[in-house]
N, C-alpha and C. Protein backbone atom coordinates (compact mmCIF):
# COMPACT_ATOMS: atom_id res chain seq x y z
N MET A 1 0.85 -1.18 0.00
CA MET A 1 0.00 0.00 0.00
C MET A 1 0.89 1.23 0.00
N PRO A 2 0.56 2.24 -0.84
CA PRO A 2 1.36 3.46 -0.86
C PRO A 2 1.39 4.13 0.50
N ALA A 3 2.51 4.77 0.83
CA ALA A 3 2.66 5.44 2.12
C ALA A 3 1.58 6.48 2.34
N SER A 4 1.16 7.17 1.26
CA SER A 4 0.14 8.21 1.40
C SER A 4 -1.19 7.63 1.86
N LEU A 5 -1.48 6.36 1.53
CA LEU A 5 -2.72 5.75 1.98
C LEU A 5 -2.64 5.27 3.42
N LYS A 6 -1.44 4.88 3.86
CA LYS A 6 -1.29 4.36 5.22
C LYS A 6 -1.65 5.40 6.26
N SER A 7 -1.43 6.68 5.93
CA SER A 7 -1.71 7.72 6.91
C SER A 7 -3.18 8.12 6.94
N LEU A 8 -3.97 7.64 5.97
CA LEU A 8 -5.39 7.96 5.96
C LEU A 8 -6.15 7.04 6.90
N PRO A 9 -7.18 7.55 7.55
CA PRO A 9 -7.98 6.67 8.39
C PRO A 9 -8.65 5.62 7.52
N SER A 10 -8.61 4.35 7.97
CA SER A 10 -9.16 3.28 7.14
C SER A 10 -10.67 3.20 7.23
N ARG A 11 -11.25 3.66 8.27
CA ARG A 11 -12.70 3.62 8.44
C ARG A 11 -13.15 4.95 9.03
N THR A 12 -14.35 5.36 8.66
CA THR A 12 -14.91 6.54 9.30
C THR A 12 -15.39 6.13 10.68
N ALA A 13 -15.35 7.02 11.61
CA ALA A 13 -15.65 6.69 13.00
C ALA A 13 -17.07 6.19 13.19
N ASP A 14 -18.03 6.76 12.46
CA ASP A 14 -19.42 6.43 12.74
C ASP A 14 -20.01 5.37 11.81
N SER A 15 -19.51 5.22 10.59
CA SER A 15 -20.20 4.33 9.65
C SER A 15 -19.52 2.98 9.46
N GLY A 16 -18.25 2.85 9.82
CA GLY A 16 -17.55 1.60 9.61
C GLY A 16 -17.19 1.34 8.16
N THR A 17 -17.28 2.34 7.29
CA THR A 17 -16.95 2.17 5.88
C THR A 17 -15.70 2.96 5.55
N ASP A 18 -15.11 2.68 4.38
CA ASP A 18 -13.96 3.46 3.93
C ASP A 18 -14.35 4.93 3.83
N SER A 19 -13.39 5.79 4.16
CA SER A 19 -13.64 7.22 4.05
C SER A 19 -13.70 7.61 2.57
N PRO A 20 -14.42 8.68 2.23
CA PRO A 20 -14.48 9.12 0.82
C PRO A 20 -13.10 9.43 0.25
N LEU A 21 -12.22 10.05 1.06
CA LEU A 21 -10.88 10.37 0.59
C LEU A 21 -10.11 9.09 0.27
N ARG A 22 -10.19 8.11 1.14
CA ARG A 22 -9.49 6.85 0.93
C ARG A 22 -10.00 6.16 -0.33
N ARG A 23 -11.32 6.15 -0.55
CA ARG A 23 -11.88 5.52 -1.75
C ARG A 23 -11.39 6.24 -3.00
N ARG A 24 -11.34 7.58 -2.97
CA ARG A 24 -10.90 8.34 -4.16
C ARG A 24 -9.42 8.07 -4.46
N VAL A 25 -8.58 8.07 -3.42
CA VAL A 25 -7.15 7.82 -3.63
C VAL A 25 -6.96 6.41 -4.18
N ARG A 26 -7.66 5.42 -3.65
CA ARG A 26 -7.54 4.05 -4.13
C ARG A 26 -8.03 3.95 -5.58
N ARG A 27 -9.13 4.62 -5.91
CA ARG A 27 -9.68 4.57 -7.26
C ARG A 27 -8.68 5.14 -8.26
N VAL A 28 -8.05 6.26 -7.94
CA VAL A 28 -7.08 6.88 -8.84
C VAL A 28 -5.83 6.02 -8.95
N SER A 29 -5.34 5.47 -7.83
CA SER A 29 -4.12 4.67 -7.88
C SER A 29 -4.35 3.35 -8.61
N ASP A 30 -5.57 2.86 -8.68
CA ASP A 30 -5.89 1.63 -9.39
C ASP A 30 -6.22 1.87 -10.86
N CYS A 31 -6.31 3.11 -11.29
CA CYS A 31 -6.77 3.44 -12.64
C CYS A 31 -5.63 3.31 -13.66
N VAL A 32 -5.81 2.45 -14.65
CA VAL A 32 -4.78 2.25 -15.66
C VAL A 32 -4.55 3.54 -16.46
N PHE A 33 -5.58 4.33 -16.71
CA PHE A 33 -5.39 5.57 -17.46
C PHE A 33 -4.61 6.59 -16.65
N CYS A 34 -4.84 6.64 -15.34
CA CYS A 34 -4.03 7.53 -14.48
C CYS A 34 -2.57 7.09 -14.49
N ARG A 35 -2.33 5.79 -14.53
CA ARG A 35 -0.96 5.28 -14.60
C ARG A 35 -0.32 5.65 -15.93
N ILE A 36 -1.10 5.63 -17.02
CA ILE A 36 -0.56 6.06 -18.32
C ILE A 36 -0.17 7.53 -18.26
N VAL A 37 -1.04 8.37 -17.70
CA VAL A 37 -0.74 9.81 -17.58
C VAL A 37 0.55 10.00 -16.79
N ALA A 38 0.72 9.23 -15.72
CA ALA A 38 1.90 9.36 -14.86
C ALA A 38 3.16 8.74 -15.47
N GLY A 39 3.01 8.04 -16.59
CA GLY A 39 4.15 7.39 -17.21
C GLY A 39 4.49 6.05 -16.58
N ALA A 40 3.61 5.53 -15.74
CA ALA A 40 3.85 4.27 -15.04
C ALA A 40 3.27 3.06 -15.79
N ALA A 41 2.55 3.29 -16.87
CA ALA A 41 2.01 2.22 -17.70
C ALA A 41 2.28 2.58 -19.16
N PRO A 42 2.54 1.58 -19.99
CA PRO A 42 2.88 1.87 -21.39
C PRO A 42 1.67 2.30 -22.20
N ALA A 43 1.93 3.12 -23.20
CA ALA A 43 0.89 3.54 -24.15
C ALA A 43 1.58 4.12 -25.38
N HIS A 44 0.94 4.01 -26.51
CA HIS A 44 1.44 4.62 -27.74
C HIS A 44 0.76 5.98 -27.87
N ARG A 45 1.42 6.99 -27.28
CA ARG A 45 0.86 8.34 -27.23
C ARG A 45 0.95 9.00 -28.60
N VAL A 46 -0.12 9.75 -28.92
CA VAL A 46 -0.12 10.49 -30.18
C VAL A 46 -0.28 11.99 -29.95
N TYR A 47 -0.74 12.38 -28.75
CA TYR A 47 -0.93 13.79 -28.45
C TYR A 47 -0.93 13.96 -26.94
N GLU A 48 -0.41 15.12 -26.50
CA GLU A 48 -0.46 15.45 -25.07
C GLU A 48 -0.34 16.94 -24.90
N ASP A 49 -1.13 17.50 -23.98
CA ASP A 49 -0.99 18.89 -23.57
C ASP A 49 -1.18 18.95 -22.05
N ASP A 50 -1.42 20.13 -21.49
CA ASP A 50 -1.54 20.26 -20.04
C ASP A 50 -2.79 19.60 -19.47
N THR A 51 -3.82 19.39 -20.31
CA THR A 51 -5.12 18.92 -19.83
C THR A 51 -5.46 17.50 -20.24
N VAL A 52 -5.07 17.11 -21.45
CA VAL A 52 -5.47 15.80 -21.98
C VAL A 52 -4.28 15.04 -22.57
N THR A 53 -4.46 13.74 -22.67
CA THR A 53 -3.51 12.84 -23.33
C THR A 53 -4.31 11.98 -24.30
N ALA A 54 -3.71 11.69 -25.46
CA ALA A 54 -4.35 10.80 -26.43
C ALA A 54 -3.37 9.69 -26.79
N PHE A 55 -3.87 8.47 -26.85
CA PHE A 55 -3.04 7.32 -27.15
C PHE A 55 -3.88 6.27 -27.88
N LEU A 56 -3.20 5.34 -28.56
CA LEU A 56 -3.91 4.30 -29.29
C LEU A 56 -4.59 3.34 -28.33
N ASP A 57 -5.79 2.92 -28.69
CA ASP A 57 -6.51 1.90 -27.94
C ASP A 57 -5.75 0.59 -28.09
N ILE A 58 -5.56 -0.17 -26.99
CA ILE A 58 -4.83 -1.43 -27.09
C ILE A 58 -5.67 -2.52 -27.75
N ARG A 59 -6.96 -2.29 -27.87
CA ARG A 59 -7.87 -3.22 -28.55
C ARG A 59 -8.66 -2.44 -29.60
N PRO A 60 -7.99 -2.00 -30.66
CA PRO A 60 -8.64 -1.11 -31.62
C PRO A 60 -9.72 -1.80 -32.45
N ILE A 61 -10.77 -1.05 -32.73
CA ILE A 61 -11.82 -1.53 -33.63
C ILE A 61 -11.35 -1.34 -35.08
N THR A 62 -10.71 -0.21 -35.35
CA THR A 62 -10.14 0.06 -36.66
C THR A 62 -8.72 0.60 -36.46
N ARG A 63 -7.94 0.60 -37.53
CA ARG A 63 -6.57 1.13 -37.47
C ARG A 63 -6.63 2.62 -37.12
N GLY A 64 -5.90 3.01 -36.08
CA GLY A 64 -5.88 4.40 -35.64
C GLY A 64 -6.88 4.72 -34.53
N HIS A 65 -7.62 3.71 -34.05
CA HIS A 65 -8.58 3.92 -32.95
C HIS A 65 -7.82 4.51 -31.76
N THR A 66 -8.21 5.70 -31.38
CA THR A 66 -7.49 6.48 -30.37
C THR A 66 -8.41 6.81 -29.20
N LEU A 67 -7.83 6.87 -28.01
CA LEU A 67 -8.55 7.31 -26.81
C LEU A 67 -7.99 8.66 -26.38
N VAL A 68 -8.88 9.60 -26.08
CA VAL A 68 -8.49 10.90 -25.56
C VAL A 68 -9.01 10.95 -24.13
N ILE A 69 -8.11 11.21 -23.18
CA ILE A 69 -8.50 11.20 -21.76
C ILE A 69 -8.09 12.49 -21.07
N PRO A 70 -8.85 12.90 -20.05
CA PRO A 70 -8.38 14.01 -19.23
C PRO A 70 -7.25 13.52 -18.33
N LYS A 71 -6.27 14.36 -18.10
CA LYS A 71 -5.17 13.97 -17.21
C LYS A 71 -5.64 13.87 -15.76
N ARG A 72 -6.57 14.71 -15.38
CA ARG A 72 -7.11 14.64 -14.02
C ARG A 72 -8.21 13.59 -14.02
N HIS A 73 -8.15 12.68 -13.07
CA HIS A 73 -9.10 11.58 -13.02
C HIS A 73 -10.54 12.07 -12.87
N ALA A 74 -11.40 11.54 -13.72
CA ALA A 74 -12.85 11.72 -13.62
C ALA A 74 -13.44 10.38 -14.02
N THR A 75 -14.18 9.75 -13.13
CA THR A 75 -14.73 8.42 -13.39
C THR A 75 -15.75 8.46 -14.52
N ASP A 76 -16.61 9.47 -14.51
CA ASP A 76 -17.64 9.59 -15.53
C ASP A 76 -17.92 11.06 -15.81
N LEU A 77 -18.85 11.33 -16.69
CA LEU A 77 -19.11 12.72 -17.08
C LEU A 77 -19.58 13.59 -15.92
N SER A 78 -20.22 12.99 -14.92
CA SER A 78 -20.66 13.79 -13.77
C SER A 78 -19.49 14.35 -12.98
N GLU A 79 -18.30 13.75 -13.11
CA GLU A 79 -17.10 14.23 -12.41
C GLU A 79 -16.21 15.09 -13.30
N LEU A 80 -16.56 15.23 -14.57
CA LEU A 80 -15.73 15.97 -15.52
C LEU A 80 -16.21 17.41 -15.62
N ASP A 81 -15.32 18.38 -15.39
CA ASP A 81 -15.73 19.78 -15.52
C ASP A 81 -15.89 20.13 -17.00
N ALA A 82 -16.74 21.09 -17.27
CA ALA A 82 -17.10 21.45 -18.64
C ALA A 82 -15.89 21.89 -19.47
N GLU A 83 -14.97 22.65 -18.87
CA GLU A 83 -13.81 23.12 -19.61
C GLU A 83 -12.93 21.96 -20.09
N THR A 84 -12.76 20.96 -19.23
CA THR A 84 -11.97 19.79 -19.62
C THR A 84 -12.72 19.00 -20.70
N GLY A 85 -14.03 18.94 -20.60
CA GLY A 85 -14.83 18.29 -21.64
C GLY A 85 -14.64 18.97 -22.99
N VAL A 86 -14.57 20.29 -22.99
CA VAL A 86 -14.31 21.03 -24.23
C VAL A 86 -12.94 20.65 -24.78
N ASP A 87 -11.93 20.59 -23.91
CA ASP A 87 -10.58 20.21 -24.34
C ASP A 87 -10.56 18.79 -24.91
N LEU A 88 -11.28 17.88 -24.27
CA LEU A 88 -11.36 16.50 -24.73
C LEU A 88 -11.89 16.44 -26.17
N PHE A 89 -12.98 17.15 -26.43
CA PHE A 89 -13.57 17.12 -27.77
C PHE A 89 -12.77 17.95 -28.77
N ARG A 90 -12.10 18.98 -28.31
CA ARG A 90 -11.22 19.76 -29.22
C ARG A 90 -10.13 18.86 -29.77
N VAL A 91 -9.51 18.09 -28.89
CA VAL A 91 -8.45 17.17 -29.32
C VAL A 91 -9.04 16.03 -30.14
N GLY A 92 -10.17 15.51 -29.73
CA GLY A 92 -10.84 14.46 -30.50
C GLY A 92 -11.17 14.93 -31.91
N HIS A 93 -11.60 16.18 -32.04
CA HIS A 93 -11.89 16.76 -33.35
C HIS A 93 -10.64 16.80 -34.21
N ARG A 94 -9.52 17.24 -33.64
CA ARG A 94 -8.25 17.28 -34.39
C ARG A 94 -7.83 15.89 -34.85
N ILE A 95 -7.97 14.91 -33.98
CA ILE A 95 -7.58 13.55 -34.34
C ILE A 95 -8.52 13.02 -35.44
N ALA A 96 -9.81 13.31 -35.33
CA ALA A 96 -10.75 12.90 -36.37
C ALA A 96 -10.40 13.53 -37.71
N ARG A 97 -9.93 14.76 -37.70
CA ARG A 97 -9.48 15.41 -38.94
C ARG A 97 -8.17 14.80 -39.42
N ALA A 98 -7.27 14.48 -38.48
CA ALA A 98 -5.97 13.94 -38.85
C ALA A 98 -6.07 12.58 -39.53
N VAL A 99 -7.01 11.74 -39.09
CA VAL A 99 -7.11 10.41 -39.69
C VAL A 99 -7.65 10.46 -41.12
N GLN A 100 -8.06 11.63 -41.55
CA GLN A 100 -8.45 11.80 -42.95
C GLN A 100 -7.24 12.19 -43.81
N GLY A 101 -6.07 12.27 -43.17
CA GLY A 101 -4.83 12.61 -43.86
C GLY A 101 -4.23 11.40 -44.55
N PRO A 102 -3.05 11.58 -45.14
CA PRO A 102 -2.43 10.52 -45.96
C PRO A 102 -2.08 9.24 -45.20
N GLY A 103 -1.86 9.31 -43.91
CA GLY A 103 -1.49 8.11 -43.16
C GLY A 103 -2.63 7.13 -42.95
N PHE A 104 -3.86 7.61 -43.10
CA PHE A 104 -5.03 6.77 -42.85
C PHE A 104 -6.06 6.84 -43.98
N ALA A 105 -6.24 8.02 -44.55
CA ALA A 105 -7.21 8.24 -45.62
C ALA A 105 -8.62 7.80 -45.23
N ALA A 106 -8.99 8.01 -43.97
CA ALA A 106 -10.35 7.68 -43.53
C ALA A 106 -11.33 8.67 -44.15
N ASP A 107 -12.56 8.23 -44.29
CA ASP A 107 -13.61 9.10 -44.83
C ASP A 107 -14.36 9.83 -43.72
N GLY A 108 -14.16 9.42 -42.49
CA GLY A 108 -14.84 10.02 -41.35
C GLY A 108 -14.37 9.35 -40.07
N ALA A 109 -15.06 9.65 -38.99
CA ALA A 109 -14.70 9.05 -37.70
C ALA A 109 -15.92 9.04 -36.78
N ASN A 110 -15.97 8.02 -35.93
CA ASN A 110 -16.93 8.01 -34.84
C ASN A 110 -16.24 8.60 -33.62
N LEU A 111 -16.89 9.56 -32.96
CA LEU A 111 -16.43 10.07 -31.68
C LEU A 111 -17.46 9.61 -30.66
N LEU A 112 -16.99 8.89 -29.65
CA LEU A 112 -17.90 8.19 -28.77
C LEU A 112 -17.41 8.22 -27.33
N VAL A 113 -18.33 8.52 -26.40
CA VAL A 113 -18.05 8.40 -24.97
C VAL A 113 -19.05 7.40 -24.40
N ASN A 114 -18.55 6.33 -23.80
CA ASN A 114 -19.39 5.39 -23.07
C ASN A 114 -19.40 5.86 -21.62
N ASP A 115 -20.52 6.40 -21.16
CA ASP A 115 -20.59 7.01 -19.83
C ASP A 115 -21.31 6.10 -18.85
N GLY A 116 -20.53 5.37 -18.07
CA GLY A 116 -21.08 4.47 -17.05
C GLY A 116 -21.16 3.03 -17.53
N LYS A 117 -21.28 2.13 -16.56
CA LYS A 117 -21.33 0.69 -16.88
C LYS A 117 -22.51 0.36 -17.79
N ALA A 118 -23.64 1.01 -17.59
CA ALA A 118 -24.80 0.73 -18.43
C ALA A 118 -24.54 1.07 -19.89
N ALA A 119 -23.59 1.96 -20.14
CA ALA A 119 -23.23 2.37 -21.50
C ALA A 119 -21.96 1.65 -21.98
N PHE A 120 -21.59 0.57 -21.29
CA PHE A 120 -20.44 -0.26 -21.65
C PHE A 120 -19.10 0.43 -21.43
N GLN A 121 -19.03 1.34 -20.45
CA GLN A 121 -17.74 1.93 -20.07
C GLN A 121 -16.96 0.85 -19.33
N THR A 122 -15.78 0.49 -19.85
CA THR A 122 -15.01 -0.60 -19.25
C THR A 122 -13.85 -0.12 -18.40
N VAL A 123 -13.41 1.13 -18.57
CA VAL A 123 -12.37 1.71 -17.73
C VAL A 123 -13.01 2.90 -17.02
N ALA A 124 -12.92 2.93 -15.69
CA ALA A 124 -13.58 3.95 -14.90
C ALA A 124 -12.78 5.26 -14.90
N HIS A 125 -12.58 5.80 -16.08
CA HIS A 125 -11.91 7.09 -16.29
C HIS A 125 -12.49 7.59 -17.62
N VAL A 126 -13.05 8.78 -17.61
CA VAL A 126 -13.67 9.31 -18.83
C VAL A 126 -12.69 9.20 -20.00
N HIS A 127 -13.19 8.73 -21.13
CA HIS A 127 -12.36 8.68 -22.33
C HIS A 127 -13.25 8.80 -23.57
N LEU A 128 -12.70 9.52 -24.54
CA LEU A 128 -13.36 9.72 -25.82
C LEU A 128 -12.70 8.81 -26.84
N HIS A 129 -13.49 7.94 -27.45
CA HIS A 129 -13.00 7.09 -28.53
C HIS A 129 -13.05 7.88 -29.83
N VAL A 130 -11.97 7.87 -30.60
CA VAL A 130 -11.97 8.40 -31.96
C VAL A 130 -11.67 7.19 -32.85
N ILE A 131 -12.68 6.79 -33.63
CA ILE A 131 -12.58 5.56 -34.41
C ILE A 131 -12.66 5.92 -35.89
N PRO A 132 -11.53 5.83 -36.62
CA PRO A 132 -11.54 6.14 -38.04
C PRO A 132 -12.50 5.22 -38.81
N ARG A 133 -13.20 5.79 -39.79
CA ARG A 133 -14.16 5.02 -40.60
C ARG A 133 -13.95 5.30 -42.07
N SER A 134 -14.30 4.33 -42.89
CA SER A 134 -14.22 4.46 -44.34
C SER A 134 -15.53 4.03 -44.95
N HIS A 135 -15.86 4.57 -46.10
CA HIS A 135 -17.06 4.15 -46.81
C HIS A 135 -16.99 2.65 -47.05
N GLY A 136 -18.08 1.96 -46.80
CA GLY A 136 -18.14 0.53 -47.07
C GLY A 136 -17.40 -0.34 -46.08
N ASP A 137 -17.08 0.17 -44.90
CA ASP A 137 -16.29 -0.61 -43.93
C ASP A 137 -17.14 -1.37 -42.91
N LYS A 138 -18.42 -1.54 -43.17
CA LYS A 138 -19.30 -2.16 -42.16
C LYS A 138 -18.82 -3.54 -41.74
N PHE A 139 -18.42 -4.39 -42.70
CA PHE A 139 -17.95 -5.72 -42.34
C PHE A 139 -16.64 -5.64 -41.56
N ARG A 140 -15.71 -4.81 -42.03
CA ARG A 140 -14.42 -4.66 -41.35
C ARG A 140 -14.64 -4.08 -39.95
N PHE A 141 -15.57 -3.12 -39.82
CA PHE A 141 -15.88 -2.53 -38.52
C PHE A 141 -16.46 -3.59 -37.58
N ALA A 142 -17.41 -4.37 -38.06
CA ALA A 142 -18.02 -5.42 -37.24
C ALA A 142 -16.98 -6.45 -36.82
N THR A 143 -16.10 -6.83 -37.74
CA THR A 143 -15.02 -7.75 -37.42
C THR A 143 -14.11 -7.16 -36.35
N GLY A 144 -13.80 -5.86 -36.48
CA GLY A 144 -12.97 -5.18 -35.50
C GLY A 144 -13.59 -5.14 -34.12
N LEU A 145 -14.93 -5.03 -34.06
CA LEU A 145 -15.62 -5.05 -32.77
C LEU A 145 -15.41 -6.39 -32.05
N VAL A 146 -15.34 -7.46 -32.83
CA VAL A 146 -15.20 -8.79 -32.25
C VAL A 146 -13.73 -9.12 -31.97
N LEU A 147 -12.86 -8.90 -32.95
CA LEU A 147 -11.46 -9.32 -32.82
C LEU A 147 -10.61 -8.36 -32.01
N ARG A 148 -10.70 -7.08 -32.29
CA ARG A 148 -10.00 -6.02 -31.57
C ARG A 148 -8.54 -6.34 -31.31
N ARG A 149 -7.77 -6.44 -32.39
CA ARG A 149 -6.34 -6.73 -32.30
C ARG A 149 -5.52 -5.55 -32.76
N SER A 150 -4.50 -5.26 -32.01
CA SER A 150 -3.59 -4.17 -32.36
C SER A 150 -2.50 -4.69 -33.27
N ARG A 151 -2.30 -4.01 -34.39
CA ARG A 151 -1.25 -4.38 -35.34
C ARG A 151 -0.35 -3.17 -35.57
N GLU A 152 0.94 -3.39 -35.42
CA GLU A 152 1.96 -2.37 -35.65
C GLU A 152 1.64 -1.04 -34.97
N PRO A 153 1.44 -1.04 -33.67
CA PRO A 153 1.05 0.21 -32.99
C PRO A 153 2.09 1.32 -33.10
N GLU A 154 3.37 0.98 -33.12
CA GLU A 154 4.39 2.03 -33.26
C GLU A 154 4.24 2.75 -34.59
N ARG A 155 4.05 1.98 -35.67
CA ARG A 155 3.89 2.56 -36.99
C ARG A 155 2.59 3.38 -37.09
N VAL A 156 1.51 2.86 -36.51
CA VAL A 156 0.22 3.56 -36.53
C VAL A 156 0.33 4.88 -35.76
N ALA A 157 0.95 4.84 -34.58
CA ALA A 157 1.12 6.06 -33.77
C ALA A 157 1.96 7.09 -34.51
N ALA A 158 3.03 6.66 -35.16
CA ALA A 158 3.88 7.58 -35.91
C ALA A 158 3.11 8.23 -37.06
N ALA A 159 2.30 7.44 -37.77
CA ALA A 159 1.50 7.98 -38.87
C ALA A 159 0.49 9.00 -38.36
N LEU A 160 -0.12 8.71 -37.22
CA LEU A 160 -1.12 9.64 -36.66
C LEU A 160 -0.45 10.92 -36.17
N ARG A 161 0.70 10.80 -35.53
CA ARG A 161 1.42 12.01 -35.10
C ARG A 161 1.80 12.86 -36.32
N ALA A 162 2.21 12.23 -37.41
CA ALA A 162 2.57 12.97 -38.63
C ALA A 162 1.35 13.67 -39.22
N ASP A 163 0.21 12.97 -39.26
CA ASP A 163 -1.01 13.59 -39.79
C ASP A 163 -1.49 14.72 -38.87
N LEU A 164 -1.32 14.57 -37.57
CA LEU A 164 -1.67 15.66 -36.64
C LEU A 164 -0.77 16.87 -36.88
N ALA A 165 0.51 16.63 -37.06
CA ALA A 165 1.47 17.72 -37.27
C ALA A 165 1.17 18.47 -38.57
N ALA A 166 0.57 17.79 -39.55
CA ALA A 166 0.28 18.42 -40.84
C ALA A 166 -0.96 19.32 -40.79
N LEU A 167 -1.73 19.24 -39.71
CA LEU A 167 -2.92 20.08 -39.59
C LEU A 167 -2.54 21.50 -39.21
N ASP A 168 -3.30 22.45 -39.72
CA ASP A 168 -3.14 23.85 -39.33
C ASP A 168 -3.61 23.97 -37.88
N PRO A 169 -2.76 24.42 -36.96
CA PRO A 169 -3.14 24.47 -35.55
C PRO A 169 -4.31 25.42 -35.26
N ARG A 170 -4.53 26.39 -36.13
CA ARG A 170 -5.63 27.33 -35.91
C ARG A 170 -6.98 26.78 -36.33
N THR A 171 -7.00 25.96 -37.38
CA THR A 171 -8.28 25.53 -37.93
C THR A 171 -8.54 24.03 -37.79
N GLY A 172 -7.49 23.24 -37.58
CA GLY A 172 -7.64 21.80 -37.55
C GLY A 172 -7.81 21.20 -38.93
N SER A 173 -7.60 22.00 -39.97
CA SER A 173 -7.69 21.53 -41.35
C SER A 173 -6.29 21.25 -41.88
N ALA A 174 -6.27 20.51 -42.98
CA ALA A 174 -4.98 20.24 -43.63
C ALA A 174 -4.31 21.56 -43.96
N ASP A 175 -3.03 21.66 -43.63
CA ASP A 175 -2.26 22.87 -43.89
C ASP A 175 -1.83 22.85 -45.35
N ASP A 176 -2.47 23.69 -46.16
CA ASP A 176 -2.20 23.72 -47.59
C ASP A 176 -1.04 24.64 -47.96
N THR A 177 -0.37 25.22 -46.97
CA THR A 177 0.70 26.16 -47.26
C THR A 177 2.00 25.46 -47.58
N ALA A 178 2.09 24.16 -47.31
CA ALA A 178 3.35 23.42 -47.54
C ALA A 178 3.55 23.11 -49.01
């Protein structure tokens, strides 16, 4: 157990249950996405700023399937402040535009948040899925939902970083000045 948890009271005096602070610290320390943010778990990062991190999904539905997460832990949307939500979708928008670049040539993207267990949220940390899509990919997409295998993640991450770098930072569109 981390030293910071040892100093916390293990039970509240009146209820006999874990204290709210202890539950929150344990939830964050157990969160794989928080460990990725801290650099304690591996990930193929494609974008990072002061508020959010984006990395490839380890079980992608399609090539380039990316997760955008807030750096500060929020289990679900009820814990996510609106400004961070804006940052999450701003970055998701850029990634959705980037996958339409030469490294992926996608025709579009699904941007999706599964909020809560009832919505099939499997990691208790808010995350935005950016899933590249192409015309006529229904069979490939359905197969990806079932198989969800990562292929050449280093190469995919490098291609996505290159396509992100090619976007105009002001508009999120392809930079035609080059």
